[in-house]
Amino acid sequence: MRLKHDPERCWTVEELVGDLRASHSLVSDNLTAFESAGLVVADERGCFRYQPAAAVLAQVCDDLDAAYRAKPVTVIRWISAPAERLQSLADAFKFKGKDQ
């Protein structure tokens, strides 16, 4: 996440569009999702800054960043995987009830 690498900087959507060479809608949609997930905060001017709401969120971001640095293609493949494949992976980690 670009914002994570410069957490003191407050980015506008337009700055991120230019920096990431992404579409306005893609950047806006992802910022909304990151804000809802508690990863970024917006100020009164509409600038966004990386600020995880909990230490566990910061750790997940650190782990994902490390995985991406080590194996970027693998991470990109998982992110772009069809939803049913991701659901299958999530289901594999569900705890079974005592009677199962």
Protein backbone atom coordinates (compact mmCIF):
# COMPACT_ATOMS: atom_id res chain seq x y z
CA MET A 1 0.00 0.00 0.00
CA ARG A 2 1.53 3.28 -1.12
CA LEU A 3 0.22 5.16 1.92
CA LYS A 4 1.90 2.70 4.31
CA HIS A 5 5.34 3.57 2.99
CA ASP A 6 4.89 7.26 3.88
CA PRO A 7 2.45 7.26 6.84
CA GLU A 8 2.98 10.91 7.74
CA ARG A 9 1.92 12.13 4.33
CA CYS A 10 -1.72 12.90 3.65
CA TRP A 11 -2.59 12.03 0.03
CA THR A 12 -5.39 13.38 -2.11
CA VAL A 13 -7.15 11.05 -4.52
CA GLU A 14 -5.65 13.00 -7.43
CA GLU A 15 -2.11 12.61 -6.04
CA LEU A 16 -2.59 8.86 -5.69
CA VAL A 17 -4.08 8.57 -9.18
CA GLY A 18 -0.94 10.21 -10.58
CA ASP A 19 1.52 8.38 -8.35
CA LEU A 20 -0.02 4.95 -8.91
CA ARG A 21 -1.02 5.58 -12.54
CA ALA A 22 -4.45 4.20 -11.71
CA SER A 23 -7.96 5.30 -12.51
CA HIS A 24 -9.81 7.74 -10.29
CA SER A 25 -12.55 5.21 -9.60
CA LEU A 26 -10.09 2.45 -8.67
CA VAL A 27 -8.25 4.72 -6.23
CA SER A 28 -11.47 6.09 -4.74
CA ASP A 29 -13.03 2.64 -4.35
CA ASN A 30 -9.94 1.26 -2.66
CA LEU A 31 -9.60 4.23 -0.31
CA THR A 32 -13.23 3.76 0.70
CA ALA A 33 -12.58 0.07 1.37
CA PHE A 34 -9.38 0.82 3.30
CA GLU A 35 -11.17 3.44 5.37
CA SER A 36 -14.01 1.01 6.15
CA ALA A 37 -11.47 -1.64 7.11
CA GLY A 38 -9.76 0.75 9.53
CA LEU A 39 -6.52 1.05 7.57
CA VAL A 40 -6.63 4.71 6.52
CA VAL A 41 -8.18 7.91 7.84
CA ALA A 42 -9.37 10.93 5.91
CA ASP A 43 -8.94 14.46 7.14
CA GLU A 44 -11.32 17.38 6.70
CA ARG A 45 -9.73 18.22 3.32
CA GLY A 46 -10.30 14.75 1.92
CA CYS A 47 -6.68 13.67 2.21
CA PHE A 48 -5.95 10.09 3.23
CA ARG A 49 -3.25 8.82 5.56
CA TYR A 50 -2.25 5.30 6.61
CA GLN A 51 -3.35 4.81 10.20
CA PRO A 52 -4.43 1.31 11.20
CA ALA A 53 -7.17 1.30 13.83
CA ALA A 54 -5.55 -1.61 15.71
CA ALA A 55 -2.12 -3.18 16.08
CA VAL A 56 -3.36 -6.41 14.52
CA LEU A 57 -4.29 -4.52 11.33
CA ALA A 58 -0.82 -2.97 11.19
CA GLN A 59 0.70 -6.44 11.61
CA VAL A 60 -1.43 -7.88 8.80
CA CYS A 61 -0.30 -5.03 6.52
CA ASP A 62 3.34 -5.63 7.50
CA ASP A 63 2.97 -9.35 6.79
CA LEU A 64 1.32 -8.72 3.43
CA ASP A 65 4.02 -6.21 2.53
CA ALA A 66 6.74 -8.75 3.41
CA ALA A 67 4.99 -11.47 1.38
CA TYR A 68 4.67 -9.14 -1.60
CA ARG A 69 8.36 -8.22 -1.42
CA ALA A 70 9.33 -11.90 -1.28
CA LYS A 71 6.84 -13.28 -3.83
CA PRO A 72 5.00 -10.50 -5.67
CA VAL A 73 3.55 -12.73 -8.39
CA THR A 74 2.06 -15.12 -5.83
CA VAL A 75 0.43 -12.28 -3.90
CA ILE A 76 -0.96 -10.73 -7.09
CA ARG A 77 -2.38 -14.09 -8.16
CA TRP A 78 -4.16 -14.54 -4.81
CA ILE A 79 -5.55 -11.02 -4.88
CA SER A 80 -6.89 -11.50 -8.39
CA ALA A 81 -8.14 -15.04 -7.77
CA PRO A 82 -11.82 -15.75 -8.36
CA ALA A 83 -13.94 -15.27 -5.23
CA GLU A 84 -14.81 -18.96 -4.97
CA ARG A 85 -11.13 -19.88 -4.75
CA LEU A 86 -10.63 -17.38 -1.95
CA GLN A 87 -13.75 -18.67 -0.19
CA SER A 88 -12.43 -22.21 -0.48
CA LEU A 89 -9.17 -21.13 1.17
CA ALA A 90 -11.06 -19.32 3.95
CA ASP A 91 -13.29 -22.35 4.49
CA ALA A 92 -10.22 -24.55 4.94
CA PHE A 93 -9.29 -22.51 8.01
CA LYS A 94 -12.70 -22.57 9.68
CA PHE A 95 -12.81 -24.33 13.02
CA LYS A 96 -15.00 -27.39 13.10
CA GLY A 97 -17.55 -27.80 15.90
CA LYS A 98 -16.92 -30.39 18.61
CA ASP A 99 -19.52 -32.73 17.13
CA GLN A 100 -18.02 -32.69 13.62
